[in-house]
Amino acid sequence: MLFGHPVVHRMLKDMVKGEAAWLTHGDGKAAKPEFASTMAKILLKHFEAAIGGRGVFILLELIENPATQALVSKQLKAQIKVIQEAAKKDSSAKGLQVLLKKVKQA
C-alpha cells in the first residue's frame, strides 16, 4: 500500500492535516473532511498493514485532530487489543506506542 511509502505517507498525513486545519480555521464550517474520510476508510480497511508500518502516523493525525477524530476513534477503540499486541511485539515502534496511548485517551 502506498501509505507505507517513506515519502507518500508524509504527503498523505500533511494533506489530512491541511484539510483538518481548513475545516477548523478556514471557511469550511459546513464542509466535511472528505479526503480525511477517504484516508480513514482505506487505513481501517487495511488496518494491520497500516499499524505495522508508516500508516500509523496518518492514523495518529486523524485521531489527534478534533475535526477528524470521529472518523477513526470508534473503530480504533474496537481494535485496541490488536494495537496492544502489535505494540507489544514491536516495542521500538514509537508511532504505534503513541497511537495506543491516544486510543486509550479518546
N, C-alpha and C. Protein backbone atom coordinates (compact mmCIF):
# COMPACT_ATOMS: atom_id res chain seq x y z
N MET A 1 0.83 -1.18 0.00
CA MET A 1 0.00 0.00 0.00
C MET A 1 0.88 1.25 0.00
N LEU A 2 0.43 2.23 -0.71
CA LEU A 2 1.22 3.45 -0.84
C LEU A 2 1.35 4.23 0.46
N PHE A 3 0.40 4.06 1.40
CA PHE A 3 0.51 4.79 2.65
C PHE A 3 1.71 4.35 3.47
N GLY A 4 2.37 3.29 3.09
CA GLY A 4 3.57 2.83 3.77
C GLY A 4 4.86 3.34 3.14
N HIS A 5 4.77 4.02 2.01
CA HIS A 5 5.95 4.55 1.33
C HIS A 5 6.57 5.66 2.17
N PRO A 6 7.90 5.73 2.23
CA PRO A 6 8.57 6.70 3.08
C PRO A 6 8.19 8.17 2.82
N VAL A 7 7.93 8.51 1.58
CA VAL A 7 7.59 9.90 1.26
C VAL A 7 6.07 10.08 1.14
N VAL A 8 5.40 9.12 0.55
CA VAL A 8 3.96 9.24 0.31
C VAL A 8 3.19 9.33 1.62
N HIS A 9 3.59 8.57 2.62
CA HIS A 9 2.84 8.62 3.88
C HIS A 9 2.90 10.02 4.48
N ARG A 10 4.03 10.67 4.32
CA ARG A 10 4.19 12.04 4.85
C ARG A 10 3.28 13.02 4.10
N MET A 11 3.20 12.87 2.79
CA MET A 11 2.35 13.72 1.98
C MET A 11 0.88 13.51 2.36
N LEU A 12 0.47 12.26 2.50
CA LEU A 12 -0.92 11.96 2.86
C LEU A 12 -1.25 12.51 4.25
N LYS A 13 -0.32 12.36 5.18
CA LYS A 13 -0.52 12.88 6.53
C LYS A 13 -0.67 14.40 6.49
N ASP A 14 0.17 15.07 5.71
CA ASP A 14 0.09 16.52 5.60
C ASP A 14 -1.20 16.98 4.93
N MET A 15 -1.70 16.19 3.98
CA MET A 15 -2.97 16.53 3.33
C MET A 15 -4.13 16.40 4.31
N VAL A 16 -4.11 15.36 5.13
CA VAL A 16 -5.14 15.19 6.17
C VAL A 16 -5.07 16.36 7.15
N LYS A 17 -3.86 16.70 7.55
CA LYS A 17 -3.65 17.81 8.49
C LYS A 17 -4.13 19.13 7.89
N GLY A 18 -3.81 19.36 6.62
CA GLY A 18 -4.22 20.59 5.96
C GLY A 18 -5.73 20.70 5.83
N GLU A 19 -6.37 19.60 5.48
CA GLU A 19 -7.83 19.62 5.36
C GLU A 19 -8.47 19.89 6.72
N ALA A 20 -7.95 19.26 7.76
CA ALA A 20 -8.48 19.47 9.10
C ALA A 20 -8.29 20.92 9.55
N ALA A 21 -7.14 21.50 9.22
CA ALA A 21 -6.88 22.90 9.57
C ALA A 21 -7.85 23.81 8.83
N TRP A 22 -8.10 23.52 7.58
CA TRP A 22 -9.03 24.32 6.79
C TRP A 22 -10.44 24.23 7.39
N LEU A 23 -10.81 23.04 7.82
CA LEU A 23 -12.15 22.85 8.39
C LEU A 23 -12.31 23.58 9.72
N THR A 24 -11.27 23.61 10.52
CA THR A 24 -11.40 24.22 11.85
C THR A 24 -11.11 25.71 11.86
N HIS A 25 -10.27 26.19 10.94
CA HIS A 25 -9.89 27.60 10.95
C HIS A 25 -10.33 28.36 9.71
N GLY A 26 -10.65 27.66 8.68
CA GLY A 26 -10.99 28.31 7.42
C GLY A 26 -12.47 28.54 7.28
N ASP A 27 -12.88 28.57 6.04
CA ASP A 27 -14.27 28.84 5.72
C ASP A 27 -15.05 27.54 5.56
N GLY A 28 -14.56 26.46 6.10
CA GLY A 28 -15.17 25.15 5.92
C GLY A 28 -16.14 24.76 7.01
N LYS A 29 -16.92 25.71 7.51
CA LYS A 29 -17.83 25.44 8.62
C LYS A 29 -18.80 24.30 8.33
N ALA A 30 -19.37 24.28 7.15
CA ALA A 30 -20.36 23.25 6.83
C ALA A 30 -19.75 22.08 6.07
N ALA A 31 -18.48 22.18 5.77
CA ALA A 31 -17.83 21.14 4.98
C ALA A 31 -17.49 19.93 5.84
N LYS A 32 -17.37 18.80 5.18
CA LYS A 32 -16.98 17.56 5.86
C LYS A 32 -15.58 17.19 5.38
N PRO A 33 -14.82 16.50 6.21
CA PRO A 33 -13.46 16.11 5.83
C PRO A 33 -13.48 14.97 4.81
N GLU A 34 -13.61 15.29 3.55
CA GLU A 34 -13.76 14.26 2.52
C GLU A 34 -12.47 13.48 2.29
N PHE A 35 -11.35 14.17 2.15
CA PHE A 35 -10.09 13.45 1.94
C PHE A 35 -9.74 12.62 3.17
N ALA A 36 -9.88 13.22 4.34
CA ALA A 36 -9.58 12.50 5.58
C ALA A 36 -10.50 11.31 5.75
N SER A 37 -11.74 11.46 5.36
CA SER A 37 -12.70 10.35 5.44
C SER A 37 -12.27 9.20 4.54
N THR A 38 -11.83 9.53 3.34
CA THR A 38 -11.36 8.50 2.41
C THR A 38 -10.11 7.82 2.96
N MET A 39 -9.19 8.60 3.50
CA MET A 39 -7.98 8.01 4.08
C MET A 39 -8.33 7.12 5.26
N ALA A 40 -9.26 7.54 6.09
CA ALA A 40 -9.66 6.74 7.24
C ALA A 40 -10.24 5.41 6.79
N LYS A 41 -11.08 5.43 5.77
CA LYS A 41 -11.67 4.18 5.26
C LYS A 41 -10.60 3.23 4.73
N ILE A 42 -9.64 3.76 4.00
CA ILE A 42 -8.57 2.93 3.43
C ILE A 42 -7.71 2.34 4.55
N LEU A 43 -7.32 3.17 5.49
CA LEU A 43 -6.46 2.71 6.58
C LEU A 43 -7.17 1.67 7.46
N LEU A 44 -8.45 1.89 7.70
CA LEU A 44 -9.19 0.93 8.53
C LEU A 44 -9.46 -0.37 7.78
N LYS A 45 -9.61 -0.28 6.48
CA LYS A 45 -9.80 -1.49 5.67
C LYS A 45 -8.53 -2.35 5.67
N HIS A 46 -7.40 -1.69 5.65
CA HIS A 46 -6.09 -2.36 5.64
C HIS A 46 -5.40 -2.09 6.99
N PHE A 47 -6.13 -2.32 8.07
CA PHE A 47 -5.71 -1.92 9.40
C PHE A 47 -4.37 -2.50 9.83
N GLU A 48 -4.19 -3.79 9.66
CA GLU A 48 -2.94 -4.41 10.13
C GLU A 48 -1.73 -3.90 9.35
N ALA A 49 -1.90 -3.66 8.06
CA ALA A 49 -0.81 -3.09 7.27
C ALA A 49 -0.52 -1.65 7.72
N ALA A 50 -1.58 -0.93 8.05
CA ALA A 50 -1.42 0.46 8.48
C ALA A 50 -0.66 0.56 9.80
N ILE A 51 -1.05 -0.25 10.79
CA ILE A 51 -0.38 -0.15 12.09
C ILE A 51 0.98 -0.83 12.09
N GLY A 52 1.22 -1.64 11.10
CA GLY A 52 2.51 -2.32 11.00
C GLY A 52 3.56 -1.52 10.25
N GLY A 53 3.21 -0.32 9.82
CA GLY A 53 4.15 0.50 9.06
C GLY A 53 3.89 1.98 9.28
N ARG A 54 4.20 2.74 8.25
CA ARG A 54 4.09 4.20 8.36
C ARG A 54 2.66 4.72 8.35
N GLY A 55 1.71 3.90 7.99
CA GLY A 55 0.31 4.30 8.02
C GLY A 55 -0.16 4.70 9.40
N VAL A 56 0.54 4.22 10.41
CA VAL A 56 0.19 4.55 11.80
C VAL A 56 0.27 6.06 12.03
N PHE A 57 1.16 6.74 11.32
CA PHE A 57 1.30 8.19 11.52
C PHE A 57 0.12 8.95 10.92
N ILE A 58 -0.49 8.40 9.88
CA ILE A 58 -1.70 9.01 9.32
C ILE A 58 -2.86 8.78 10.30
N LEU A 59 -2.93 7.60 10.87
CA LEU A 59 -3.96 7.32 11.89
C LEU A 59 -3.80 8.25 13.08
N LEU A 60 -2.56 8.51 13.46
CA LEU A 60 -2.30 9.44 14.56
C LEU A 60 -2.81 10.83 14.22
N GLU A 61 -2.54 11.28 13.01
CA GLU A 61 -3.01 12.60 12.59
C GLU A 61 -4.54 12.66 12.65
N LEU A 62 -5.18 11.59 12.23
CA LEU A 62 -6.64 11.55 12.24
C LEU A 62 -7.21 11.59 13.65
N ILE A 63 -6.61 10.85 14.57
CA ILE A 63 -7.16 10.78 15.93
C ILE A 63 -6.78 12.00 16.78
N GLU A 64 -5.69 12.66 16.43
CA GLU A 64 -5.25 13.81 17.22
C GLU A 64 -6.02 15.09 16.90
N ASN A 65 -6.61 15.17 15.73
CA ASN A 65 -7.28 16.39 15.32
C ASN A 65 -8.78 16.28 15.60
N PRO A 66 -9.35 17.24 16.33
CA PRO A 66 -10.78 17.19 16.64
C PRO A 66 -11.69 17.15 15.40
N ALA A 67 -11.23 17.73 14.30
CA ALA A 67 -12.05 17.76 13.08
C ALA A 67 -12.15 16.39 12.42
N THR A 68 -11.19 15.50 12.71
CA THR A 68 -11.17 14.19 12.05
C THR A 68 -11.24 13.03 13.04
N GLN A 69 -11.19 13.31 14.30
CA GLN A 69 -11.14 12.26 15.32
C GLN A 69 -12.32 11.29 15.24
N ALA A 70 -13.50 11.81 14.97
CA ALA A 70 -14.70 10.95 14.92
C ALA A 70 -14.64 9.93 13.78
N LEU A 71 -13.80 10.18 12.79
CA LEU A 71 -13.68 9.26 11.65
C LEU A 71 -13.05 7.93 12.04
N VAL A 72 -12.23 7.93 13.09
CA VAL A 72 -11.48 6.71 13.43
C VAL A 72 -11.56 6.27 14.87
N SER A 73 -11.98 7.13 15.78
CA SER A 73 -11.87 6.80 17.20
C SER A 73 -12.67 5.55 17.58
N LYS A 74 -13.89 5.42 17.12
CA LYS A 74 -14.71 4.27 17.47
C LYS A 74 -14.09 2.96 16.96
N GLN A 75 -13.62 2.98 15.72
CA GLN A 75 -13.02 1.79 15.13
C GLN A 75 -11.69 1.44 15.79
N LEU A 76 -10.91 2.46 16.14
CA LEU A 76 -9.64 2.18 16.81
C LEU A 76 -9.85 1.62 18.21
N LYS A 77 -10.86 2.13 18.90
CA LYS A 77 -11.17 1.58 20.23
C LYS A 77 -11.59 0.12 20.13
N ALA A 78 -12.32 -0.21 19.08
CA ALA A 78 -12.75 -1.59 18.87
C ALA A 78 -11.56 -2.50 18.56
N GLN A 79 -10.49 -1.94 18.04
CA GLN A 79 -9.30 -2.71 17.66
C GLN A 79 -8.16 -2.55 18.67
N ILE A 80 -8.45 -2.09 19.86
CA ILE A 80 -7.39 -1.79 20.83
C ILE A 80 -6.55 -3.02 21.17
N LYS A 81 -7.15 -4.19 21.20
CA LYS A 81 -6.37 -5.41 21.50
C LYS A 81 -5.36 -5.69 20.40
N VAL A 82 -5.73 -5.46 19.16
CA VAL A 82 -4.82 -5.65 18.03
C VAL A 82 -3.67 -4.65 18.13
N ILE A 83 -3.99 -3.41 18.48
CA ILE A 83 -2.96 -2.38 18.64
C ILE A 83 -2.03 -2.74 19.79
N GLN A 84 -2.59 -3.20 20.90
CA GLN A 84 -1.77 -3.58 22.06
C GLN A 84 -0.82 -4.72 21.71
N GLU A 85 -1.31 -5.71 21.01
CA GLU A 85 -0.45 -6.84 20.64
C GLU A 85 0.65 -6.41 19.68
N ALA A 86 0.32 -5.55 18.72
CA ALA A 86 1.32 -5.07 17.79
C ALA A 86 2.37 -4.23 18.52
N ALA A 87 1.92 -3.42 19.47
CA ALA A 87 2.84 -2.59 20.26
C ALA A 87 3.74 -3.46 21.13
N LYS A 88 3.19 -4.56 21.63
CA LYS A 88 3.98 -5.47 22.46
C LYS A 88 5.04 -6.18 21.62
N LYS A 89 4.67 -6.59 20.40
CA LYS A 89 5.61 -7.28 19.51
C LYS A 89 6.75 -6.38 19.08
N ASP A 90 6.45 -5.09 18.85
CA ASP A 90 7.47 -4.16 18.38
C ASP A 90 7.51 -2.95 19.29
N SER A 91 8.17 -3.10 20.42
CA SER A 91 8.22 -2.03 21.41
C SER A 91 9.03 -0.83 20.94
N SER A 92 9.79 -0.97 19.85
CA SER A 92 10.57 0.16 19.34
C SER A 92 9.77 1.00 18.35
N ALA A 93 8.55 0.59 18.01
CA ALA A 93 7.70 1.34 17.07
C ALA A 93 7.03 2.49 17.84
N LYS A 94 7.66 3.63 17.83
CA LYS A 94 7.19 4.77 18.62
C LYS A 94 5.81 5.25 18.17
N GLY A 95 5.56 5.26 16.88
CA GLY A 95 4.26 5.68 16.38
C GLY A 95 3.15 4.80 16.91
N LEU A 96 3.39 3.54 16.96
CA LEU A 96 2.41 2.58 17.47
C LEU A 96 2.18 2.77 18.97
N GLN A 97 3.24 3.06 19.70
CA GLN A 97 3.12 3.32 21.14
C GLN A 97 2.27 4.57 21.40
N VAL A 98 2.51 5.60 20.59
CA VAL A 98 1.75 6.84 20.75
C VAL A 98 0.29 6.61 20.36
N LEU A 99 0.05 5.85 19.29
CA LEU A 99 -1.32 5.55 18.88
C LEU A 99 -2.06 4.82 19.99
N LEU A 100 -1.44 3.86 20.61
CA LEU A 100 -2.06 3.12 21.70
C LEU A 100 -2.45 4.06 22.83
N LYS A 101 -1.57 4.97 23.17
CA LYS A 101 -1.84 5.94 24.24
C LYS A 101 -3.02 6.84 23.85
N LYS A 102 -3.04 7.31 22.61
CA LYS A 102 -4.12 8.21 22.15
C LYS A 102 -5.46 7.49 22.12
N VAL A 103 -5.47 6.23 21.70
CA VAL A 103 -6.72 5.48 21.65
C VAL A 103 -7.26 5.28 23.05
N LYS A 104 -6.40 5.03 24.00
CA LYS A 104 -6.84 4.85 25.39
C LYS A 104 -7.41 6.15 25.94
N GLN A 105 -6.88 7.30 25.51
CA GLN A 105 -7.34 8.60 25.99
C GLN A 105 -8.63 9.06 25.31
N ALA A 106 -8.85 8.62 24.07
CA ALA A 106 -10.00 9.11 23.30
C ALA A 106 -11.32 8.58 23.84
